[in-house]
């Protein structure tokens, strides 16, 4: 059975980030925390990397995030993505990021998985407006990319599989860190005893 495909713009609202300048802070005197490409870690969002930017006098509603929005780097040498957690809803994104608000037809976790896969990477490169190694993805270009849209029941199973894999990965990384710490303690203690 073949899976139907849809343009991202048909199954999601795609929006650009707010143009910002650090100098706006001093001129406007009113600012807010804004997510930038530096906020993305590759596996999530680093809250210490939020930047303050001037927002007064601008219509900012179009740049506000909602929980479960997907954000991705618009200009970068590599794709960075994240899903907005509940506590970051109503934050803003700047123009280094593109926001994608999936409609009920497509789960945000599956969109990220597809974009990070080989077919998604090739599609992003095809719409990227750059001759260099840096991608320059636009709202229009991203909206035109066709993505597979499996039935919702199938999507839920896929999301559970991805979440289980993410949990296993995180547990393995934590366990490896614990093993490294214990090994270093053993070596350090052994070195003290041999004196």
N, C-alpha and C. Protein backbone atom coordinates (compact mmCIF):
# COMPACT_ATOMS: atom_id res chain seq x y z
N UNK A 1 0.85 -1.18 0.00
CA UNK A 1 0.00 0.00 0.00
C UNK A 1 0.90 1.24 0.00
N UNK A 2 0.63 2.16 -0.89
CA UNK A 2 1.44 3.37 -0.95
C UNK A 2 0.88 4.43 0.00
N UNK A 3 1.78 5.21 0.54
CA UNK A 3 1.42 6.28 1.47
C UNK A 3 1.24 7.56 0.67
N UNK A 4 0.19 8.29 0.95
CA UNK A 4 -0.04 9.54 0.22
C UNK A 4 1.00 10.57 0.64
N UNK A 5 1.27 11.48 -0.27
CA UNK A 5 2.19 12.58 0.03
C UNK A 5 1.42 13.89 -0.10
N UNK A 6 1.87 14.86 0.66
CA UNK A 6 1.28 16.20 0.64
C UNK A 6 2.40 17.22 0.74
N UNK A 7 2.18 18.38 0.19
CA UNK A 7 3.12 19.48 0.40
C UNK A 7 3.01 19.90 1.86
N UNK A 8 4.16 20.23 2.44
CA UNK A 8 4.15 20.65 3.85
C UNK A 8 3.17 21.80 4.06
N UNK A 9 3.10 22.71 3.12
CA UNK A 9 2.18 23.85 3.23
C UNK A 9 0.72 23.45 3.27
N UNK A 10 0.39 22.23 2.84
CA UNK A 10 -1.00 21.75 2.88
C UNK A 10 -1.35 21.05 4.19
N UNK A 11 -0.32 20.60 4.93
CA UNK A 11 -0.58 19.88 6.18
C UNK A 11 -0.02 20.63 7.40
N UNK A 12 0.45 21.85 7.17
CA UNK A 12 1.01 22.64 8.26
C UNK A 12 1.02 24.12 7.89
N UNK A 13 1.04 24.95 8.91
CA UNK A 13 1.25 26.39 8.71
C UNK A 13 2.76 26.62 8.87
N UNK A 14 3.38 27.16 7.84
CA UNK A 14 4.82 27.43 7.87
C UNK A 14 5.01 28.93 8.00
N UNK A 15 5.86 29.35 8.94
CA UNK A 15 6.03 30.80 9.16
C UNK A 15 7.48 31.14 9.46
N UNK A 16 7.84 32.35 9.05
CA UNK A 16 9.21 32.84 9.25
C UNK A 16 9.35 33.44 10.64
N UNK A 17 10.60 33.51 11.08
CA UNK A 17 10.90 34.16 12.35
C UNK A 17 10.97 35.67 12.21
N UNK A 18 10.99 36.33 13.34
CA UNK A 18 10.98 37.79 13.42
C UNK A 18 12.38 38.35 13.13
N UNK A 19 12.46 39.35 12.26
CA UNK A 19 13.75 40.01 12.06
C UNK A 19 14.14 40.75 13.34
N UNK A 20 15.35 40.53 13.82
CA UNK A 20 15.79 41.16 15.07
C UNK A 20 17.19 41.72 14.92
N UNK A 21 17.48 42.70 15.77
CA UNK A 21 18.83 43.25 15.89
C UNK A 21 19.09 43.45 17.37
N UNK A 22 20.28 43.13 17.81
CA UNK A 22 20.63 43.34 19.22
C UNK A 22 20.54 44.80 19.60
N UNK A 23 20.81 45.70 18.66
CA UNK A 23 20.78 47.13 18.96
C UNK A 23 19.37 47.63 19.28
N UNK A 24 18.34 46.86 18.89
CA UNK A 24 16.96 47.27 19.18
C UNK A 24 16.71 47.40 20.68
N UNK A 25 17.42 46.63 21.49
CA UNK A 25 17.22 46.66 22.93
C UNK A 25 17.38 48.07 23.48
N UNK A 26 18.46 48.72 23.07
CA UNK A 26 18.75 50.05 23.59
C UNK A 26 17.77 51.08 23.03
N UNK A 27 17.43 50.97 21.77
CA UNK A 27 16.56 51.95 21.12
C UNK A 27 15.12 51.84 21.61
N UNK A 28 14.63 50.63 21.77
CA UNK A 28 13.21 50.42 22.08
C UNK A 28 12.96 50.41 23.58
N UNK A 29 13.87 49.80 24.33
CA UNK A 29 13.70 49.72 25.77
C UNK A 29 12.71 48.66 26.19
N UNK A 30 12.22 47.86 25.27
CA UNK A 30 11.29 46.77 25.56
C UNK A 30 11.77 45.55 24.80
N UNK A 31 11.91 44.43 25.47
CA UNK A 31 12.45 43.27 24.79
C UNK A 31 11.83 41.99 25.32
N UNK A 32 12.11 40.91 24.64
CA UNK A 32 11.59 39.62 25.04
C UNK A 32 12.58 38.53 24.69
N UNK A 33 12.41 37.36 25.31
CA UNK A 33 13.27 36.22 25.01
C UNK A 33 12.89 35.63 23.66
N UNK A 34 13.90 35.43 22.84
CA UNK A 34 13.68 34.95 21.48
C UNK A 34 14.55 33.72 21.23
N UNK A 35 13.96 32.69 20.63
CA UNK A 35 14.74 31.52 20.22
C UNK A 35 15.47 31.84 18.93
N UNK A 36 16.74 31.45 18.87
CA UNK A 36 17.55 31.63 17.67
C UNK A 36 18.14 30.28 17.29
N UNK A 37 18.85 30.22 16.18
CA UNK A 37 19.47 28.97 15.77
C UNK A 37 20.46 28.47 16.83
N UNK A 38 21.06 29.38 17.58
CA UNK A 38 21.98 28.97 18.66
C UNK A 38 21.24 28.28 19.80
N UNK A 39 19.93 28.46 19.89
CA UNK A 39 19.14 27.82 20.93
C UNK A 39 18.95 26.33 20.67
N UNK A 40 19.14 25.90 19.42
CA UNK A 40 18.91 24.50 19.06
C UNK A 40 20.17 23.68 19.29
N UNK A 41 20.02 22.56 19.98
CA UNK A 41 21.17 21.72 20.31
C UNK A 41 21.36 20.56 19.35
N UNK A 42 20.41 20.29 18.53
CA UNK A 42 20.44 19.10 17.68
C UNK A 42 19.50 18.04 18.22
N UNK A 43 19.28 18.06 19.54
CA UNK A 43 18.33 17.13 20.15
C UNK A 43 17.25 17.84 20.94
N UNK A 44 17.30 19.15 20.98
CA UNK A 44 16.32 19.90 21.74
C UNK A 44 16.66 21.38 21.77
N UNK A 45 16.28 22.02 22.88
CA UNK A 45 16.45 23.47 23.02
C UNK A 45 17.27 23.75 24.27
N UNK A 46 18.29 24.58 24.12
CA UNK A 46 19.12 25.02 25.24
C UNK A 46 18.56 26.34 25.74
N UNK A 47 17.92 26.31 26.90
CA UNK A 47 17.27 27.51 27.44
C UNK A 47 18.26 28.60 27.82
N UNK A 48 19.52 28.25 27.98
CA UNK A 48 20.52 29.27 28.30
C UNK A 48 20.90 30.09 27.07
N UNK A 49 20.48 29.64 25.90
CA UNK A 49 20.84 30.33 24.66
C UNK A 49 19.71 31.21 24.10
N UNK A 50 18.69 31.48 24.90
CA UNK A 50 17.66 32.43 24.47
C UNK A 50 18.29 33.81 24.43
N UNK A 51 17.91 34.61 23.46
CA UNK A 51 18.46 35.96 23.34
C UNK A 51 17.36 36.97 23.59
N UNK A 52 17.74 38.12 24.13
CA UNK A 52 16.79 39.20 24.34
C UNK A 52 16.85 40.13 23.14
N UNK A 53 15.70 40.42 22.58
CA UNK A 53 15.62 41.32 21.42
C UNK A 53 14.46 42.28 21.60
N UNK A 54 14.59 43.45 21.00
CA UNK A 54 13.53 44.44 21.04
C UNK A 54 12.30 43.95 20.30
N UNK A 55 11.13 44.14 20.92
CA UNK A 55 9.89 43.69 20.29
C UNK A 55 8.80 44.76 20.27
N UNK A 56 9.03 45.89 20.90
CA UNK A 56 7.99 46.92 20.96
C UNK A 56 7.70 47.47 19.57
N UNK A 57 6.46 47.80 19.33
CA UNK A 57 6.08 48.41 18.07
C UNK A 57 5.94 47.42 16.92
N UNK A 58 6.22 46.17 17.18
CA UNK A 58 6.09 45.15 16.13
C UNK A 58 4.86 44.30 16.41
N UNK A 59 4.23 43.85 15.36
CA UNK A 59 3.16 42.88 15.52
C UNK A 59 3.83 41.52 15.68
N UNK A 60 3.84 41.00 16.91
CA UNK A 60 4.64 39.81 17.18
C UNK A 60 3.84 38.51 17.16
N UNK A 61 2.52 38.57 17.07
CA UNK A 61 1.72 37.35 17.13
C UNK A 61 2.10 36.35 16.06
N UNK A 62 2.48 36.82 14.88
CA UNK A 62 2.82 35.90 13.80
C UNK A 62 4.12 35.15 14.06
N UNK A 63 4.92 35.58 15.04
CA UNK A 63 6.19 34.94 15.35
C UNK A 63 6.12 34.08 16.61
N UNK A 64 4.94 34.07 17.26
CA UNK A 64 4.79 33.33 18.51
C UNK A 64 4.66 31.84 18.25
N UNK A 65 5.31 31.08 19.11
CA UNK A 65 5.27 29.63 19.02
C UNK A 65 4.13 29.07 19.86
N UNK A 66 3.67 27.90 19.47
CA UNK A 66 2.70 27.14 20.25
C UNK A 66 3.36 25.83 20.64
N UNK A 67 2.92 25.22 21.74
CA UNK A 67 3.46 23.90 22.07
C UNK A 67 3.27 22.94 20.89
N UNK A 68 4.25 22.11 20.65
CA UNK A 68 4.29 21.11 19.57
C UNK A 68 4.61 21.70 18.20
N UNK A 69 4.89 23.00 18.11
CA UNK A 69 5.39 23.54 16.85
C UNK A 69 6.77 22.95 16.59
N UNK A 70 7.09 22.77 15.33
CA UNK A 70 8.43 22.35 14.92
C UNK A 70 9.19 23.61 14.55
N UNK A 71 10.43 23.72 15.00
CA UNK A 71 11.29 24.80 14.52
C UNK A 71 12.52 24.18 13.88
N UNK A 72 12.99 24.84 12.83
CA UNK A 72 14.19 24.36 12.15
C UNK A 72 15.03 25.53 11.68
N UNK A 73 16.31 25.26 11.55
CA UNK A 73 17.24 26.30 11.13
C UNK A 73 16.94 26.70 9.69
N UNK A 74 16.86 28.01 9.47
CA UNK A 74 16.61 28.52 8.12
C UNK A 74 17.92 28.73 7.38
N UNK A 75 18.94 29.16 8.11
CA UNK A 75 20.27 29.38 7.53
C UNK A 75 21.29 28.72 8.44
N UNK A 76 21.89 27.66 7.94
CA UNK A 76 22.86 26.93 8.75
C UNK A 76 23.61 25.96 7.86
N UNK A 77 24.75 25.49 8.33
CA UNK A 77 25.49 24.49 7.56
C UNK A 77 24.92 23.10 7.79
N UNK A 78 24.13 22.93 8.84
CA UNK A 78 23.47 21.65 9.09
C UNK A 78 22.07 21.90 9.63
N UNK A 79 21.19 20.96 9.38
CA UNK A 79 19.81 21.09 9.84
C UNK A 79 19.74 20.89 11.35
N UNK A 80 19.11 21.82 12.03
CA UNK A 80 18.82 21.69 13.45
C UNK A 80 17.32 21.81 13.60
N UNK A 81 16.74 20.93 14.41
CA UNK A 81 15.29 20.92 14.59
C UNK A 81 14.95 20.75 16.07
N UNK A 82 13.73 21.09 16.42
CA UNK A 82 13.22 20.84 17.77
C UNK A 82 11.70 20.96 17.73
N UNK A 83 11.08 20.31 18.71
CA UNK A 83 9.65 20.47 18.94
C UNK A 83 9.50 21.34 20.19
N UNK A 84 8.64 22.32 20.12
CA UNK A 84 8.46 23.27 21.22
C UNK A 84 7.71 22.59 22.37
N UNK A 85 8.33 22.53 23.55
CA UNK A 85 7.64 21.95 24.71
C UNK A 85 6.60 22.93 25.26
N UNK A 86 5.72 22.42 26.09
CA UNK A 86 4.62 23.21 26.66
C UNK A 86 5.12 24.51 27.29
N UNK A 87 6.21 24.43 28.05
CA UNK A 87 6.68 25.61 28.79
C UNK A 87 7.26 26.72 27.91
N UNK A 88 7.52 26.44 26.64
CA UNK A 88 8.06 27.46 25.75
C UNK A 88 7.02 28.02 24.79
N UNK A 89 5.76 27.62 24.96
CA UNK A 89 4.70 28.21 24.14
C UNK A 89 4.67 29.71 24.35
N UNK A 90 4.32 30.46 23.34
CA UNK A 90 4.27 31.92 23.35
C UNK A 90 5.64 32.59 23.28
N UNK A 91 6.72 31.82 23.17
CA UNK A 91 8.03 32.43 22.91
C UNK A 91 8.06 32.83 21.44
N UNK A 92 9.04 33.62 21.09
CA UNK A 92 9.20 34.09 19.72
C UNK A 92 10.38 33.40 19.06
N UNK A 93 10.36 33.35 17.72
CA UNK A 93 11.54 32.89 16.99
C UNK A 93 12.05 34.04 16.13
N UNK A 94 13.36 34.06 15.94
CA UNK A 94 13.90 35.10 15.06
C UNK A 94 14.10 34.54 13.66
N UNK A 95 14.61 35.37 12.79
CA UNK A 95 14.66 35.02 11.36
C UNK A 95 15.68 33.94 11.02
N UNK A 96 16.45 33.47 12.00
CA UNK A 96 17.35 32.34 11.73
C UNK A 96 16.60 31.01 11.79
N UNK A 97 15.32 31.07 12.18
CA UNK A 97 14.51 29.86 12.31
C UNK A 97 13.23 29.98 11.49
N UNK A 98 12.68 28.82 11.14
CA UNK A 98 11.36 28.73 10.51
C UNK A 98 10.50 27.89 11.44
N UNK A 99 9.26 28.31 11.63
CA UNK A 99 8.31 27.56 12.44
C UNK A 99 7.35 26.78 11.56
N UNK A 100 6.97 25.60 12.03
CA UNK A 100 6.01 24.76 11.31
C UNK A 100 4.98 24.28 12.33
N UNK A 101 3.73 24.67 12.14
CA UNK A 101 2.64 24.25 13.01
C UNK A 101 1.84 23.19 12.27
N UNK A 102 2.09 21.93 12.61
CA UNK A 102 1.42 20.82 11.92
C UNK A 102 -0.08 20.82 12.21
N UNK A 103 -0.85 20.57 11.18
CA UNK A 103 -2.28 20.38 11.35
C UNK A 103 -2.50 18.96 11.84
N UNK A 104 -3.73 18.59 12.10
CA UNK A 104 -4.02 17.29 12.70
C UNK A 104 -3.65 16.11 11.81
N UNK A 105 -3.38 16.35 10.54
CA UNK A 105 -3.05 15.27 9.61
C UNK A 105 -1.63 14.72 9.76
N UNK A 106 -0.72 15.50 10.36
CA UNK A 106 0.68 15.11 10.41
C UNK A 106 1.25 15.38 11.80
N UNK A 107 1.84 14.35 12.41
CA UNK A 107 2.44 14.49 13.73
C UNK A 107 3.79 15.20 13.60
N UNK A 108 4.05 16.20 14.46
CA UNK A 108 5.30 16.95 14.36
C UNK A 108 6.55 16.08 14.49
N UNK A 109 6.49 15.06 15.33
CA UNK A 109 7.66 14.17 15.52
C UNK A 109 8.00 13.44 14.23
N UNK A 110 6.98 13.07 13.45
CA UNK A 110 7.24 12.39 12.18
C UNK A 110 7.79 13.35 11.14
N UNK A 111 7.34 14.60 11.16
CA UNK A 111 7.88 15.58 10.23
C UNK A 111 9.38 15.75 10.48
N UNK A 112 9.78 15.88 11.74
CA UNK A 112 11.20 16.02 12.06
C UNK A 112 11.97 14.78 11.62
N UNK A 113 11.44 13.60 11.93
CA UNK A 113 12.14 12.36 11.55
C UNK A 113 12.35 12.30 10.04
N UNK A 114 11.34 12.69 9.29
CA UNK A 114 11.46 12.65 7.82
C UNK A 114 12.45 13.70 7.32
N UNK A 115 12.38 14.92 7.86
CA UNK A 115 13.30 15.98 7.43
C UNK A 115 14.75 15.63 7.75
N UNK A 116 14.98 14.91 8.85
CA UNK A 116 16.34 14.54 9.23
C UNK A 116 16.85 13.31 8.48
N UNK A 117 15.95 12.60 7.81
CA UNK A 117 16.34 11.41 7.05
C UNK A 117 16.90 11.78 5.68
N UNK A 118 17.38 10.79 4.93
CA UNK A 118 18.01 11.07 3.63
C UNK A 118 17.08 11.73 2.61
N UNK A 119 15.83 11.30 2.54
CA UNK A 119 14.89 11.91 1.58
C UNK A 119 14.58 13.36 1.96
N UNK A 120 14.40 13.60 3.25
CA UNK A 120 14.13 14.95 3.72
C UNK A 120 15.31 15.87 3.49
N UNK A 121 16.51 15.37 3.77
CA UNK A 121 17.72 16.17 3.55
C UNK A 121 17.87 16.54 2.07
N UNK A 122 17.61 15.57 1.20
CA UNK A 122 17.70 15.85 -0.25
C UNK A 122 16.66 16.88 -0.67
N UNK A 123 15.45 16.77 -0.12
CA UNK A 123 14.39 17.73 -0.45
C UNK A 123 14.75 19.13 0.04
N UNK A 124 15.33 19.23 1.23
CA UNK A 124 15.74 20.53 1.76
C UNK A 124 16.86 21.14 0.92
N UNK A 125 17.81 20.31 0.52
CA UNK A 125 18.90 20.81 -0.33
C UNK A 125 18.36 21.30 -1.67
N UNK A 126 17.33 20.61 -2.18
CA UNK A 126 16.76 20.99 -3.48
C UNK A 126 16.08 22.36 -3.43
N UNK A 127 15.48 22.72 -2.28
CA UNK A 127 14.80 24.01 -2.19
C UNK A 127 15.68 25.09 -1.56
N UNK A 128 16.86 24.70 -1.10
CA UNK A 128 17.76 25.66 -0.48
C UNK A 128 18.26 26.65 -1.51
N UNK A 129 18.23 27.93 -1.16
CA UNK A 129 18.64 28.98 -2.09
C UNK A 129 20.08 29.39 -1.84
N UNK A 130 20.99 28.44 -1.99
CA UNK A 130 22.38 28.76 -1.73
C UNK A 130 23.28 27.91 -2.59
N UNK A 131 24.35 28.50 -3.05
CA UNK A 131 25.34 27.77 -3.82
C UNK A 131 26.49 27.31 -2.94
N UNK A 132 26.46 27.68 -1.66
CA UNK A 132 27.52 27.30 -0.73
C UNK A 132 27.08 26.10 0.08
N UNK A 133 27.89 25.73 1.05
CA UNK A 133 27.53 24.61 1.93
C UNK A 133 26.47 24.99 2.95
N UNK A 134 26.21 26.28 3.07
CA UNK A 134 25.19 26.73 4.02
C UNK A 134 23.82 26.67 3.38
N UNK A 135 22.87 26.04 4.09
CA UNK A 135 21.50 25.99 3.60
C UNK A 135 20.84 27.34 3.84
N UNK A 136 19.99 27.73 2.93
CA UNK A 136 19.18 28.93 3.09
C UNK A 136 17.76 28.53 2.72
N UNK A 137 17.02 28.09 3.71
CA UNK A 137 15.67 27.57 3.48
C UNK A 137 14.66 28.70 3.69
N UNK A 138 13.73 28.81 2.77
CA UNK A 138 12.69 29.84 2.87
C UNK A 138 11.35 29.19 3.22
N UNK A 139 10.43 30.01 3.68
CA UNK A 139 9.08 29.53 3.98
C UNK A 139 8.45 28.95 2.71
N UNK A 140 8.59 29.65 1.59
CA UNK A 140 8.01 29.18 0.33
C UNK A 140 8.62 27.85 -0.09
N UNK A 141 9.94 27.74 0.01
CA UNK A 141 10.61 26.51 -0.38
C UNK A 141 10.20 25.34 0.49
N UNK A 142 10.19 25.54 1.81
CA UNK A 142 9.80 24.48 2.73
C UNK A 142 8.35 24.06 2.51
N UNK A 143 7.48 25.02 2.25
CA UNK A 143 6.06 24.74 2.04
C UNK A 143 5.81 23.84 0.84
N UNK A 144 6.71 23.89 -0.15
CA UNK A 144 6.53 23.11 -1.38
C UNK A 144 7.02 21.67 -1.27
N UNK A 145 7.80 21.36 -0.24
CA UNK A 145 8.34 20.01 -0.10
C UNK A 145 7.21 19.03 0.17
N UNK A 146 7.23 17.91 -0.55
CA UNK A 146 6.22 16.87 -0.34
C UNK A 146 6.72 15.86 0.69
N UNK A 147 5.85 15.59 1.67
CA UNK A 147 6.18 14.63 2.73
C UNK A 147 5.16 13.51 2.74
N UNK A 148 5.59 12.31 3.16
CA UNK A 148 4.62 11.22 3.30
C UNK A 148 3.69 11.50 4.48
N UNK A 149 2.42 11.19 4.30
CA UNK A 149 1.43 11.39 5.35
C UNK A 149 0.69 10.07 5.55
N UNK A 150 1.23 9.19 6.41
CA UNK A 150 0.56 7.91 6.67
C UNK A 150 -0.76 8.13 7.42
N UNK A 151 -1.60 7.10 7.47
CA UNK A 151 -2.83 7.19 8.27
C UNK A 151 -2.48 7.50 9.74
N UNK A 152 -3.37 8.19 10.43
CA UNK A 152 -3.10 8.63 11.81
C UNK A 152 -2.76 7.48 12.75
N UNK A 153 -3.43 6.36 12.60
CA UNK A 153 -3.15 5.21 13.46
C UNK A 153 -1.71 4.73 13.26
N UNK A 154 -1.27 4.71 12.02
CA UNK A 154 0.11 4.33 11.71
C UNK A 154 1.09 5.37 12.26
N UNK A 155 0.73 6.64 12.16
CA UNK A 155 1.60 7.70 12.70
C UNK A 155 1.81 7.52 14.20
N UNK A 156 0.74 7.20 14.92
CA UNK A 156 0.88 7.01 16.38
C UNK A 156 1.85 5.88 16.70
N UNK A 157 1.78 4.80 15.96
CA UNK A 157 2.71 3.68 16.18
C UNK A 157 4.14 4.11 15.89
N UNK A 158 4.32 4.87 14.84
CA UNK A 158 5.66 5.35 14.48
C UNK A 158 6.21 6.29 15.55
N UNK A 159 5.36 7.16 16.07
CA UNK A 159 5.78 8.10 17.12
C UNK A 159 6.20 7.33 18.36
N UNK A 160 5.44 6.31 18.75
CA UNK A 160 5.80 5.49 19.92
C UNK A 160 7.15 4.82 19.71
N UNK A 161 7.40 4.33 18.50
CA UNK A 161 8.68 3.70 18.18
C UNK A 161 9.83 4.71 18.32
N UNK A 162 9.63 5.91 17.77
CA UNK A 162 10.66 6.95 17.86
C UNK A 162 10.90 7.37 19.31
N UNK A 163 9.84 7.51 20.08
CA UNK A 163 9.99 7.90 21.49
C UNK A 163 10.73 6.83 22.28
N UNK A 164 10.42 5.55 22.01
CA UNK A 164 11.13 4.46 22.69
C UNK A 164 12.62 4.47 22.32
N UNK A 165 12.91 4.71 21.06
CA UNK A 165 14.31 4.78 20.62
C UNK A 165 15.03 5.95 21.28
N UNK A 166 14.35 7.09 21.38
CA UNK A 166 14.95 8.26 22.04
C UNK A 166 15.24 7.98 23.51
N UNK A 167 14.30 7.32 24.19
CA UNK A 167 14.50 6.97 25.60
C UNK A 167 15.67 6.02 25.76
N UNK A 168 15.76 5.01 24.89
CA UNK A 168 16.87 4.06 24.95
C UNK A 168 18.20 4.77 24.70
N UNK A 169 18.22 5.68 23.75
CA UNK A 169 19.44 6.44 23.44
C UNK A 169 19.87 7.27 24.64
N UNK A 170 18.92 8.00 25.23
CA UNK A 170 19.23 8.84 26.39
C UNK A 170 19.74 7.99 27.55
N UNK A 171 19.10 6.84 27.79
CA UNK A 171 19.53 5.95 28.87
C UNK A 171 20.94 5.42 28.62
N UNK A 172 21.23 5.07 27.37
CA UNK A 172 22.56 4.56 27.04
C UNK A 172 23.63 5.63 27.25
N UNK A 173 23.34 6.87 26.88
CA UNK A 173 24.29 7.97 27.07
C UNK A 173 24.53 8.20 28.57
N UNK A 174 23.45 8.20 29.36
CA UNK A 174 23.59 8.39 30.80
C UNK A 174 24.39 7.25 31.43
N UNK A 175 24.10 6.01 31.01
CA UNK A 175 24.83 4.85 31.54
C UNK A 175 26.31 4.92 31.17
N UNK A 176 26.61 5.32 29.96
CA UNK A 176 28.01 5.45 29.53
C UNK A 176 28.71 6.52 30.37
N UNK A 177 28.03 7.61 30.65
CA UNK A 177 28.61 8.66 31.50
C UNK A 177 28.88 8.15 32.91
N UNK A 178 27.94 7.36 33.45
CA UNK A 178 28.13 6.77 34.79
C UNK A 178 29.33 5.83 34.79
N UNK A 179 29.44 4.97 33.76
CA UNK A 179 30.57 4.04 33.68
C UNK A 179 31.89 4.79 33.60
N UNK A 180 31.93 5.86 32.84
CA UNK A 180 33.15 6.66 32.71
C UNK A 180 33.52 7.29 34.06
N UNK A 181 32.52 7.84 34.74
CA UNK A 181 32.77 8.47 36.04
C UNK A 181 33.30 7.45 37.05
N UNK A 182 32.68 6.27 37.11
CA UNK A 182 33.12 5.23 38.04
C UNK A 182 34.53 4.77 37.71
N UNK A 183 34.83 4.55 36.43
CA UNK A 183 36.17 4.12 36.02
C UNK A 183 37.21 5.16 36.44
N UNK A 184 36.91 6.43 36.26
CA UNK A 184 37.86 7.48 36.65
C UNK A 184 38.06 7.51 38.16
N UNK A 185 36.98 7.30 38.92
CA UNK A 185 37.12 7.25 40.38
C UNK A 185 37.99 6.08 40.81
N UNK A 186 37.79 4.92 40.20
CA UNK A 186 38.59 3.74 40.52
C UNK A 186 40.06 4.01 40.21
N UNK A 187 40.33 4.56 39.05
CA UNK A 187 41.72 4.86 38.66
C UNK A 187 42.32 5.89 39.61
N UNK A 188 41.58 6.94 39.91
CA UNK A 188 42.08 7.99 40.80
C UNK A 188 42.39 7.41 42.18
N UNK A 189 41.46 6.62 42.72
CA UNK A 189 41.67 6.02 44.04
C UNK A 189 42.85 5.05 44.02
N UNK A 190 42.99 4.28 42.95
CA UNK A 190 44.11 3.34 42.82
C UNK A 190 45.43 4.09 42.76
N UNK A 191 45.45 5.22 42.10
CA UNK A 191 46.68 6.02 41.99
C UNK A 191 47.08 6.58 43.36
N UNK A 192 46.11 6.94 44.17
CA UNK A 192 46.40 7.46 45.50
C UNK A 192 46.97 6.35 46.39
N UNK A 193 46.48 5.12 46.22
CA UNK A 193 46.90 4.00 47.06
C UNK A 193 48.30 3.52 46.70
N UNK A 194 48.75 3.75 45.48
CA UNK A 194 50.06 3.24 45.05
C UNK A 194 51.20 4.16 45.47
N UNK A 195 50.90 5.28 46.08
CA UNK A 195 51.97 6.20 46.50
C UNK A 195 52.73 5.66 47.67
